[in-house]
Amino acid sequence: MTKYLVTGASGQLGALTIDALRKFVPAENITGLVRRDDAATALSATGIDARVASYDDPAALTKAFAGIDRVLLISGSEVGQRVPQHLNVIAAAKEAGVNFMAYTSILKAADSQIGLAPEHKATEEALAASGLDFTLLRNGWYTENYLMALPQILEMGQHFGAAGDAKFAPATRADFAEAAAIVLSGAEHEGKTYELAGDEVFTYAEYAQTISDLSGKDVAYVDMPEAAYAEALKGAGLPAPMADLLANADAVSKDGWLFDDSKTLSSLLGRPTVSLRDTLRAALNS
């Protein structure tokens, strides 16, 4: 009986992945890894085995992986600490006898100029050197990332960015989660690298127009230099390191780092990815 474990199980992507995984394997074969006892209690109440360990605690990780065959490593949330944390997870999984690991990386991680990419690339290299069977899930941006500023966009009638006419192809967390569940529970994915992005492609100007169409309010895209956009994000309350990373991602996206038109994600899902229009419509009606 194959046992599956999803790390970060109380996070947004982790919780959605466990929900999707229930469609493919019995709930009693699924384990969720969380960092806190209260999160473990909540997960256990849903009928899922819960184990507690931090990415910073190798001994606890090894214990948590006991009896597990296949692991989904969801990348850590602590930017700047991901490499040592992920190395701990990989080493613990190997010590515990895990057979397979899938990892949620970033689109085009091997070459991407996005500031978040080096930690993902280092993790991919560590997995390749580990001796574990593995699959790389190179996820693009979440569509939900674009919704965070929606109230301000509607209030001001402007969407700010530093991407020029860059093309984006995001997908919803739920779509990425379902793909992860398919790979974790499925066969013949070992050794593969999947560049995962949404079917729909848009520029920021087209995004602003879609908001206009659905809301009935005129919204325009305002393009800014990277430094000015970073300062605007800081002024809106984002911590400086995150503001700089997001502004950088916008600026370098002009070179295609957040765009992919292979439709690999929808091929894995066996259906089209959820559209931007549908996601925005749901957000506007909520």
C-alpha atoms as a PDB file:
ATOM      1  CA  MET A   1       0.000   0.000   0.000  1.00  0.00           C
ATOM      2  CA  THR A   2       1.657   3.211  -1.212  1.00  0.00           C
ATOM      3  CA  LYS A   3       1.812   6.064   1.292  1.00  0.00           C
ATOM      4  CA  TYR A   4       1.826   9.687   0.138  1.00  0.00           C
ATOM      5  CA  LEU A   5       2.934  12.785   2.058  1.00  0.00           C
ATOM      6  CA  VAL A   6       2.344  16.444   1.197  1.00  0.00           C
ATOM      7  CA  THR A   7       4.516  19.006   2.965  1.00  0.00           C
ATOM      8  CA  GLY A   8       3.153  22.436   3.814  1.00  0.00           C
ATOM      9  CA  ALA A   9      -0.222  20.767   4.204  1.00  0.00           C
ATOM     10  CA  SER A  10      -1.824  23.652   6.092  1.00  0.00           C
ATOM     11  CA  GLY A  11      -0.801  26.193   3.461  1.00  0.00           C
ATOM     12  CA  GLN A  12      -2.972  27.245   0.550  1.00  0.00           C
ATOM     13  CA  LEU A  13      -1.328  25.051  -2.081  1.00  0.00           C
ATOM     14  CA  GLY A  14      -0.809  22.132   0.310  1.00  0.00           C
ATOM     15  CA  ALA A  15      -4.420  22.043   1.459  1.00  0.00           C
ATOM     16  CA  LEU A  16      -5.668  22.144  -2.134  1.00  0.00           C
ATOM     17  CA  THR A  17      -3.253  19.361  -3.101  1.00  0.00           C
ATOM     18  CA  ILE A  18      -4.525  17.101  -0.333  1.00  0.00           C
ATOM     19  CA  ASP A  19      -8.099  17.781  -1.430  1.00  0.00           C
ATOM     20  CA  ALA A  20      -7.167  16.861  -5.011  1.00  0.00           C
ATOM     21  CA  LEU A  21      -5.192  13.804  -3.919  1.00  0.00           C
ATOM     22  CA  ARG A  22      -8.316  12.374  -2.270  1.00  0.00           C
ATOM     23  CA  LYS A  23      -9.727  11.929  -5.792  1.00  0.00           C
ATOM     24  CA  PHE A  24      -6.928   9.531  -6.741  1.00  0.00           C
ATOM     25  CA  VAL A  25      -5.976   7.585  -3.612  1.00  0.00           C
ATOM     26  CA  PRO A  26      -7.734   6.545  -0.374  1.00  0.00           C
ATOM     27  CA  ALA A  27      -7.624   9.175   2.370  1.00  0.00           C
ATOM     28  CA  GLU A  28      -5.990   6.685   4.744  1.00  0.00           C
ATOM     29  CA  ASN A  29      -2.964   6.586   2.423  1.00  0.00           C
ATOM     30  CA  ILE A  30      -2.426  10.373   2.630  1.00  0.00           C
ATOM     31  CA  THR A  31      -0.288  12.176   5.203  1.00  0.00           C
ATOM     32  CA  GLY A  32       0.096  15.915   5.623  1.00  0.00           C
ATOM     33  CA  LEU A  33       3.201  17.520   7.116  1.00  0.00           C
ATOM     34  CA  VAL A  34       2.592  20.689   9.147  1.00  0.00           C
ATOM     35  CA  ARG A  35       4.695  22.829  11.466  1.00  0.00           C
ATOM     36  CA  ARG A  36       2.289  23.344  14.372  1.00  0.00           C
ATOM     37  CA  ASP A  37       0.296  21.095  16.660  1.00  0.00           C
ATOM     38  CA  ASP A  38      -2.910  23.080  16.123  1.00  0.00           C
ATOM     39  CA  ALA A  39      -2.585  22.648  12.364  1.00  0.00           C
ATOM     40  CA  ALA A  40      -2.071  18.913  12.884  1.00  0.00           C
ATOM     41  CA  THR A  41      -5.228  18.737  14.996  1.00  0.00           C
ATOM     42  CA  ALA A  42      -7.237  20.536  12.316  1.00  0.00           C
ATOM     43  CA  LEU A  43      -5.914  18.287   9.559  1.00  0.00           C
ATOM     44  CA  SER A  44      -6.539  15.114  11.549  1.00  0.00           C
ATOM     45  CA  ALA A  45     -10.152  16.208  11.990  1.00  0.00           C
ATOM     46  CA  THR A  46     -10.585  15.914   8.205  1.00  0.00           C
ATOM     47  CA  GLY A  47      -9.512  12.259   8.258  1.00  0.00           C
ATOM     48  CA  ILE A  48      -5.944  12.837   7.075  1.00  0.00           C
ATOM     49  CA  ASP A  49      -2.919  11.556   8.995  1.00  0.00           C
ATOM     50  CA  ALA A  50      -0.970  14.587  10.239  1.00  0.00           C
ATOM     51  CA  ARG A  51       2.678  14.747  11.249  1.00  0.00           C
ATOM     52  CA  VAL A  52       4.515  17.713  12.726  1.00  0.00           C
ATOM     53  CA  ALA A  53       7.977  18.849  11.646  1.00  0.00           C
ATOM     54  CA  SER A  54       9.702  22.040  10.574  1.00  0.00           C
ATOM     55  CA  TYR A  55      11.943  22.216   7.531  1.00  0.00           C
ATOM     56  CA  ASP A  56      14.614  23.370  10.021  1.00  0.00           C
ATOM     57  CA  ASP A  57      14.457  20.150  12.102  1.00  0.00           C
ATOM     58  CA  PRO A  58      16.162  17.207  10.343  1.00  0.00           C
ATOM     59  CA  ALA A  59      15.427  14.694  13.119  1.00  0.00           C
ATOM     60  CA  ALA A  60      11.720  15.554  13.185  1.00  0.00           C
ATOM     61  CA  LEU A  61      11.578  15.374   9.395  1.00  0.00           C
ATOM     62  CA  THR A  62      13.147  11.914   9.326  1.00  0.00           C
ATOM     63  CA  LYS A  63      10.633  10.722  11.902  1.00  0.00           C
ATOM     64  CA  ALA A  64       7.750  12.276   9.949  1.00  0.00           C
ATOM     65  CA  PHE A  65       8.793  10.515   6.742  1.00  0.00           C
ATOM     66  CA  ALA A  66       8.839   7.041   8.326  1.00  0.00           C
ATOM     67  CA  GLY A  67       6.759   4.629   6.242  1.00  0.00           C
ATOM     68  CA  ILE A  68       6.197   7.180   3.449  1.00  0.00           C
ATOM     69  CA  ASP A  69       6.809   6.188  -0.168  1.00  0.00           C
ATOM     70  CA  ARG A  70       6.135   9.348  -2.186  1.00  0.00           C
ATOM     71  CA  VAL A  71       6.541  12.976  -1.081  1.00  0.00           C
ATOM     72  CA  LEU A  72       5.460  16.298  -2.533  1.00  0.00           C
ATOM     73  CA  LEU A  73       7.920  18.948  -1.355  1.00  0.00           C
ATOM     74  CA  ILE A  74       6.163  22.299  -1.512  1.00  0.00           C
ATOM     75  CA  SER A  75       8.795  25.016  -1.510  1.00  0.00           C
ATOM     76  CA  GLY A  76       9.224  26.837   1.785  1.00  0.00           C
ATOM     77  CA  SER A  77       7.834  30.301   2.416  1.00  0.00           C
ATOM     78  CA  GLU A  78      10.986  31.786   3.940  1.00  0.00           C
ATOM     79  CA  VAL A  79      12.771  33.387   1.003  1.00  0.00           C
ATOM     80  CA  GLY A  80      16.513  33.275   1.636  1.00  0.00           C
ATOM     81  CA  GLN A  81      16.227  30.161   3.819  1.00  0.00           C
ATOM     82  CA  ARG A  82      14.793  27.792   1.271  1.00  0.00           C
ATOM     83  CA  VAL A  83      18.006  26.070   0.186  1.00  0.00           C
ATOM     84  CA  PRO A  84      19.114  24.777   3.629  1.00  0.00           C
ATOM     85  CA  GLN A  85      15.519  23.942   4.508  1.00  0.00           C
ATOM     86  CA  HIS A  86      14.935  22.013   1.299  1.00  0.00           C
ATOM     87  CA  LEU A  87      18.236  20.192   1.702  1.00  0.00           C
ATOM     88  CA  ASN A  88      17.048  19.085   5.146  1.00  0.00           C
ATOM     89  CA  VAL A  89      13.837  17.715   3.636  1.00  0.00           C
ATOM     90  CA  ILE A  90      15.642  15.862   0.861  1.00  0.00           C
ATOM     91  CA  ALA A  91      18.209  14.340   3.230  1.00  0.00           C
ATOM     92  CA  ALA A  92      15.539  13.276   5.717  1.00  0.00           C
ATOM     93  CA  ALA A  93      13.427  11.697   2.992  1.00  0.00           C
ATOM     94  CA  LYS A  94      16.391   9.722   1.740  1.00  0.00           C
ATOM     95  CA  GLU A  95      17.299   8.581   5.259  1.00  0.00           C
ATOM     96  CA  ALA A  96      13.711   7.491   5.929  1.00  0.00           C
ATOM     97  CA  GLY A  97      13.567   5.406   2.749  1.00  0.00           C
ATOM     98  CA  VAL A  98      11.253   7.581   0.665  1.00  0.00           C
ATOM     99  CA  ASN A  99      11.235   6.401  -2.968  1.00  0.00           C
ATOM    100  CA  PHE A 100      10.064   9.475  -4.857  1.00  0.00           C
ATOM    101  CA  MET A 101       9.830  13.241  -4.442  1.00  0.00           C
ATOM    102  CA  ALA A 102       8.042  15.854  -6.533  1.00  0.00           C
ATOM    103  CA  TYR A 103       9.084  19.469  -6.004  1.00  0.00           C
ATOM    104  CA  THR A 104       7.188  22.696  -6.677  1.00  0.00           C
ATOM    105  CA  SER A 105       9.809  24.802  -8.440  1.00  0.00           C
ATOM    106  CA  ILE A 106       9.447  27.931 -10.582  1.00  0.00           C
ATOM    107  CA  LEU A 107       8.865  28.262 -14.312  1.00  0.00           C
ATOM    108  CA  LYS A 108      12.110  27.896 -16.312  1.00  0.00           C
ATOM    109  CA  ALA A 109      14.093  27.607 -13.063  1.00  0.00           C
ATOM    110  CA  ALA A 110      17.367  26.551 -14.678  1.00  0.00           C
ATOM    111  CA  ASP A 111      17.769  29.858 -16.529  1.00  0.00           C
ATOM    112  CA  SER A 112      15.215  32.263 -15.066  1.00  0.00           C
ATOM    113  CA  GLN A 113      16.394  35.749 -14.135  1.00  0.00           C
ATOM    114  CA  ILE A 114      13.641  36.175 -11.555  1.00  0.00           C
ATOM    115  CA  GLY A 115      15.148  36.784  -8.127  1.00  0.00           C
ATOM    116  CA  LEU A 116      13.321  33.809  -6.620  1.00  0.00           C
ATOM    117  CA  ALA A 117      14.789  31.354  -9.123  1.00  0.00           C
ATOM    118  CA  PRO A 118      18.277  30.619  -7.686  1.00  0.00           C
ATOM    119  CA  GLU A 119      16.876  28.885  -4.586  1.00  0.00           C
ATOM    120  CA  HIS A 120      14.669  26.712  -6.782  1.00  0.00           C
ATOM    121  CA  LYS A 121      17.558  25.889  -9.109  1.00  0.00           C
ATOM    122  CA  ALA A 122      19.730  24.873  -6.153  1.00  0.00           C
ATOM    123  CA  THR A 123      16.956  22.615  -4.849  1.00  0.00           C
ATOM    124  CA  GLU A 124      16.540  21.004  -8.251  1.00  0.00           C
ATOM    125  CA  GLU A 125      20.280  20.308  -8.352  1.00  0.00           C
ATOM    126  CA  ALA A 126      20.169  18.800  -4.865  1.00  0.00           C
ATOM    127  CA  LEU A 127      17.329  16.506  -5.884  1.00  0.00           C
ATOM    128  CA  ALA A 128      19.246  15.399  -8.974  1.00  0.00           C
ATOM    129  CA  ALA A 129      22.234  14.527  -6.793  1.00  0.00           C
ATOM    130  CA  SER A 130      20.189  12.810  -4.078  1.00  0.00           C
ATOM    131  CA  GLY A 131      19.619   9.458  -5.722  1.00  0.00           C
ATOM    132  CA  LEU A 132      15.855   9.775  -5.201  1.00  0.00           C
ATOM    133  CA  ASP A 133      13.471   9.393  -8.098  1.00  0.00           C
ATOM    134  CA  PHE A 134      11.948  12.829  -8.628  1.00  0.00           C
ATOM    135  CA  THR A 135       9.789  15.071 -10.781  1.00  0.00           C
ATOM    136  CA  LEU A 136      10.127  18.833 -11.105  1.00  0.00           C
ATOM    137  CA  LEU A 137       6.890  20.808 -11.157  1.00  0.00           C
ATOM    138  CA  ARG A 138       7.987  24.205 -12.426  1.00  0.00           C
ATOM    139  CA  ASN A 139       4.965  26.284 -11.545  1.00  0.00           C
ATOM    140  CA  GLY A 140       4.259  29.654 -13.074  1.00  0.00           C
ATOM    141  CA  TRP A 141       2.694  32.531 -11.150  1.00  0.00           C
ATOM    142  CA  TYR A 142      -0.607  31.969  -9.371  1.00  0.00           C
ATOM    143  CA  THR A 143      -3.550  33.813 -10.912  1.00  0.00           C
ATOM    144  CA  GLU A 144      -4.484  34.702  -7.337  1.00  0.00           C
ATOM    145  CA  ASN A 145      -1.311  36.806  -7.093  1.00  0.00           C
ATOM    146  CA  TYR A 146      -2.959  39.306  -9.403  1.00  0.00           C
ATOM    147  CA  LEU A 147      -6.086  39.521  -7.300  1.00  0.00           C
ATOM    148  CA  MET A 148      -4.429  40.849  -4.152  1.00  0.00           C
ATOM    149  CA  ALA A 149      -4.452  44.422  -5.419  1.00  0.00           C
ATOM    150  CA  LEU A 150      -7.887  44.170  -7.060  1.00  0.00           C
ATOM    151  CA  PRO A 151      -9.695  46.404  -4.511  1.00  0.00           C
ATOM    152  CA  GLN A 152      -7.095  49.152  -4.975  1.00  0.00           C
ATOM    153  CA  ILE A 153      -7.175  48.759  -8.749  1.00  0.00           C
ATOM    154  CA  LEU A 154     -10.935  49.219  -8.779  1.00  0.00           C
ATOM    155  CA  GLU A 155     -10.757  52.171  -6.412  1.00  0.00           C
ATOM    156  CA  MET A 156      -8.052  53.984  -8.386  1.00  0.00           C
ATOM    157  CA  GLY A 157      -8.971  52.825 -11.878  1.00  0.00           C
ATOM    158  CA  GLN A 158      -5.311  51.982 -12.430  1.00  0.00           C
ATOM    159  CA  HIS A 159      -3.173  48.869 -12.378  1.00  0.00           C
ATOM    160  CA  PHE A 160       0.483  49.582 -11.727  1.00  0.00           C
ATOM    161  CA  GLY A 161       3.410  47.427 -12.832  1.00  0.00           C
ATOM    162  CA  ALA A 162       6.831  47.380 -14.442  1.00  0.00           C
ATOM    163  CA  ALA A 163       6.289  44.719 -17.082  1.00  0.00           C
ATOM    164  CA  GLY A 164       5.668  46.757 -20.216  1.00  0.00           C
ATOM    165  CA  ASP A 165       3.992  44.483 -22.761  1.00  0.00           C
ATOM    166  CA  ALA A 166       5.314  41.251 -21.213  1.00  0.00           C
ATOM    167  CA  LYS A 167       3.194  38.151 -21.644  1.00  0.00           C
ATOM    168  CA  PHE A 168       1.964  36.228 -18.584  1.00  0.00           C
ATOM    169  CA  ALA A 169       0.399  32.768 -18.373  1.00  0.00           C
ATOM    170  CA  PRO A 170      -0.579  32.151 -14.743  1.00  0.00           C
ATOM    171  CA  ALA A 171      -2.845  29.430 -13.418  1.00  0.00           C
ATOM    172  CA  THR A 172      -4.906  29.054 -10.272  1.00  0.00           C
ATOM    173  CA  ARG A 173      -3.535  27.373  -7.176  1.00  0.00           C
ATOM    174  CA  ALA A 174      -6.207  24.724  -7.569  1.00  0.00           C
ATOM    175  CA  ASP A 175      -4.975  23.850 -11.066  1.00  0.00           C
ATOM    176  CA  PHE A 176      -1.366  23.580  -9.890  1.00  0.00           C
ATOM    177  CA  ALA A 177      -2.508  21.546  -6.870  1.00  0.00           C
ATOM    178  CA  GLU A 178      -4.439  19.074  -9.018  1.00  0.00           C
ATOM    179  CA  ALA A 179      -1.427  18.623 -11.291  1.00  0.00           C
ATOM    180  CA  ALA A 180       0.758  17.949  -8.248  1.00  0.00           C
ATOM    181  CA  ALA A 181      -1.727  15.355  -6.993  1.00  0.00           C
ATOM    182  CA  ILE A 182      -1.779  13.675 -10.412  1.00  0.00           C
ATOM    183  CA  VAL A 183       2.007  13.435 -10.504  1.00  0.00           C
ATOM    184  CA  LEU A 184       2.344  12.331  -6.876  1.00  0.00           C
ATOM    185  CA  SER A 185      -0.241   9.556  -7.263  1.00  0.00           C
ATOM    186  CA  GLY A 186       0.536   8.590 -10.840  1.00  0.00           C
ATOM    187  CA  ALA A 187       3.091   6.582 -12.767  1.00  0.00           C
ATOM    188  CA  GLU A 188       5.718   7.382 -15.391  1.00  0.00           C
ATOM    189  CA  HIS A 189       6.442  10.899 -14.132  1.00  0.00           C
ATOM    190  CA  GLU A 190       9.846  10.055 -12.666  1.00  0.00           C
ATOM    191  CA  GLY A 191      12.729  12.010 -14.149  1.00  0.00           C
ATOM    192  CA  LYS A 192      10.486  14.505 -15.904  1.00  0.00           C
ATOM    193  CA  THR A 193      10.475  18.281 -15.703  1.00  0.00           C
ATOM    194  CA  TYR A 194       7.116  19.934 -16.279  1.00  0.00           C
ATOM    195  CA  GLU A 195       6.943  23.615 -17.219  1.00  0.00           C
ATOM    196  CA  LEU A 196       3.496  24.477 -15.897  1.00  0.00           C
ATOM    197  CA  ALA A 197       1.486  27.539 -16.884  1.00  0.00           C
ATOM    198  CA  GLY A 198      -2.067  28.480 -17.726  1.00  0.00           C
ATOM    199  CA  ASP A 199      -3.568  28.161 -21.184  1.00  0.00           C
ATOM    200  CA  GLU A 200      -4.504  31.845 -21.316  1.00  0.00           C
ATOM    201  CA  VAL A 201      -1.885  34.489 -22.116  1.00  0.00           C
ATOM    202  CA  PHE A 202      -2.284  38.183 -21.355  1.00  0.00           C
ATOM    203  CA  THR A 203      -0.389  41.430 -20.942  1.00  0.00           C
ATOM    204  CA  TYR A 204      -1.042  43.814 -18.076  1.00  0.00           C
ATOM    205  CA  ALA A 205      -2.931  46.096 -20.452  1.00  0.00           C
ATOM    206  CA  GLU A 206      -5.182  43.165 -21.379  1.00  0.00           C
ATOM    207  CA  TYR A 207      -5.573  42.293 -17.704  1.00  0.00           C
ATOM    208  CA  ALA A 208      -6.720  45.846 -16.966  1.00  0.00           C
ATOM    209  CA  GLN A 209      -9.161  45.673 -19.872  1.00  0.00           C
ATOM    210  CA  THR A 210     -10.622  42.403 -18.553  1.00  0.00           C
ATOM    211  CA  ILE A 211     -11.206  44.035 -15.166  1.00  0.00           C
ATOM    212  CA  SER A 212     -12.913  46.924 -16.983  1.00  0.00           C
ATOM    213  CA  ASP A 213     -15.123  44.546 -18.965  1.00  0.00           C
ATOM    214  CA  LEU A 214     -16.252  42.617 -15.891  1.00  0.00           C
ATOM    215  CA  SER A 215     -16.575  45.475 -13.416  1.00  0.00           C
ATOM    216  CA  GLY A 216     -17.967  48.152 -15.725  1.00  0.00           C
ATOM    217  CA  LYS A 217     -15.312  50.555 -14.435  1.00  0.00           C
ATOM    218  CA  ASP A 218     -12.557  51.986 -16.608  1.00  0.00           C
ATOM    219  CA  VAL A 219      -9.180  50.570 -15.558  1.00  0.00           C
ATOM    220  CA  ALA A 220      -5.886  51.431 -17.242  1.00  0.00           C
ATOM    221  CA  TYR A 221      -2.466  49.848 -16.942  1.00  0.00           C
ATOM    222  CA  VAL A 222       0.230  52.291 -15.775  1.00  0.00           C
ATOM    223  CA  ASP A 223       3.753  51.112 -16.579  1.00  0.00           C
ATOM    224  CA  MET A 224       6.578  52.270 -14.280  1.00  0.00           C
ATOM    225  CA  PRO A 225      10.343  51.832 -14.077  1.00  0.00           C
ATOM    226  CA  GLU A 226      11.343  48.912 -11.844  1.00  0.00           C
ATOM    227  CA  ALA A 227      12.762  51.104  -9.064  1.00  0.00           C
ATOM    228  CA  ALA A 228       9.707  53.346  -8.982  1.00  0.00           C
ATOM    229  CA  TYR A 229       7.380  50.349  -8.867  1.00  0.00           C
ATOM    230  CA  ALA A 230       9.379  48.852  -5.991  1.00  0.00           C
ATOM    231  CA  GLU A 231       9.025  52.108  -4.056  1.00  0.00           C
ATOM    232  CA  ALA A 232       5.297  52.169  -4.748  1.00  0.00           C
ATOM    233  CA  LEU A 233       4.954  48.633  -3.372  1.00  0.00           C
ATOM    234  CA  LYS A 234       6.881  49.607  -0.262  1.00  0.00           C
ATOM    235  CA  GLY A 235       4.633  52.617   0.144  1.00  0.00           C
ATOM    236  CA  ALA A 236       1.664  50.256  -0.008  1.00  0.00           C
ATOM    237  CA  GLY A 237       3.060  48.349   2.958  1.00  0.00           C
ATOM    238  CA  LEU A 238       5.064  45.497   1.438  1.00  0.00           C
ATOM    239  CA  PRO A 239       8.341  44.652   3.169  1.00  0.00           C
ATOM    240  CA  ALA A 240      11.293  46.018   1.197  1.00  0.00           C
ATOM    241  CA  PRO A 241      12.793  42.628   0.193  1.00  0.00           C
ATOM    242  CA  MET A 242       9.442  41.352  -1.127  1.00  0.00           C
ATOM    243  CA  ALA A 243       8.712  44.637  -2.913  1.00  0.00           C
ATOM    244  CA  ASP A 244      12.101  44.463  -4.636  1.00  0.00           C
ATOM    245  CA  LEU A 245      11.541  40.831  -5.654  1.00  0.00           C
ATOM    246  CA  LEU A 246       8.095  41.529  -7.105  1.00  0.00           C
ATOM    247  CA  ALA A 247       9.279  44.594  -9.000  1.00  0.00           C
ATOM    248  CA  ASN A 248      12.199  42.585 -10.351  1.00  0.00           C
ATOM    249  CA  ALA A 249       9.871  39.775 -11.446  1.00  0.00           C
ATOM    250  CA  ASP A 250       7.766  42.282 -13.349  1.00  0.00           C
ATOM    251  CA  ALA A 251      10.766  43.875 -15.033  1.00  0.00           C
ATOM    252  CA  VAL A 252      12.476  40.660 -16.153  1.00  0.00           C
ATOM    253  CA  SER A 253       9.177  39.138 -17.272  1.00  0.00           C
ATOM    254  CA  LYS A 254       9.696  41.140 -20.467  1.00  0.00           C
ATOM    255  CA  ASP A 255      12.162  38.375 -21.385  1.00  0.00           C
ATOM    256  CA  GLY A 256       9.491  35.693 -21.057  1.00  0.00           C
ATOM    257  CA  TRP A 257      10.281  34.170 -17.666  1.00  0.00           C
ATOM    258  CA  LEU A 258       6.609  34.042 -16.618  1.00  0.00           C
ATOM    259  CA  PHE A 259       5.311  32.905 -19.994  1.00  0.00           C
ATOM    260  CA  ASP A 260       4.928  29.396 -21.381  1.00  0.00           C
ATOM    261  CA  ASP A 261       2.556  28.265 -24.108  1.00  0.00           C
ATOM    262  CA  SER A 262       3.285  24.530 -24.096  1.00  0.00           C
ATOM    263  CA  LYS A 263      -0.057  23.760 -22.377  1.00  0.00           C
ATOM    264  CA  THR A 264       1.727  21.118 -20.326  1.00  0.00           C
ATOM    265  CA  LEU A 265      -0.449  21.923 -17.320  1.00  0.00           C
ATOM    266  CA  SER A 266      -3.748  21.430 -19.137  1.00  0.00           C
ATOM    267  CA  SER A 267      -2.331  18.262 -20.703  1.00  0.00           C
ATOM    268  CA  LEU A 268      -1.624  16.854 -17.232  1.00  0.00           C
ATOM    269  CA  LEU A 269      -5.066  17.905 -16.029  1.00  0.00           C
ATOM    270  CA  GLY A 270      -6.864  16.545 -19.058  1.00  0.00           C
ATOM    271  CA  ARG A 271      -8.861  19.773 -19.324  1.00  0.00           C
ATOM    272  CA  PRO A 272      -8.304  23.494 -19.955  1.00  0.00           C
ATOM    273  CA  THR A 273      -6.952  25.540 -17.092  1.00  0.00           C
ATOM    274  CA  VAL A 274      -9.326  27.940 -15.322  1.00  0.00           C
ATOM    275  CA  SER A 275      -9.450  31.228 -17.212  1.00  0.00           C
ATOM    276  CA  LEU A 276      -8.484  34.644 -15.925  1.00  0.00           C
ATOM    277  CA  ARG A 277     -11.982  35.911 -16.718  1.00  0.00           C
ATOM    278  CA  ASP A 278     -13.602  33.197 -14.600  1.00  0.00           C
ATOM    279  CA  THR A 279     -11.192  33.832 -11.722  1.00  0.00           C
ATOM    280  CA  LEU A 280     -11.767  37.570 -11.848  1.00  0.00           C
ATOM    281  CA  ARG A 281     -15.535  37.148 -12.120  1.00  0.00           C
ATOM    282  CA  ALA A 282     -15.551  34.990  -8.991  1.00  0.00           C
ATOM    283  CA  ALA A 283     -13.409  37.530  -7.128  1.00  0.00           C
ATOM    284  CA  LEU A 284     -15.622  40.430  -8.138  1.00  0.00           C
ATOM    285  CA  ASN A 285     -18.766  38.559  -7.074  1.00  0.00           C
ATOM    286  CA  SER A 286     -17.398  37.415  -3.719  1.00  0.00           C
END
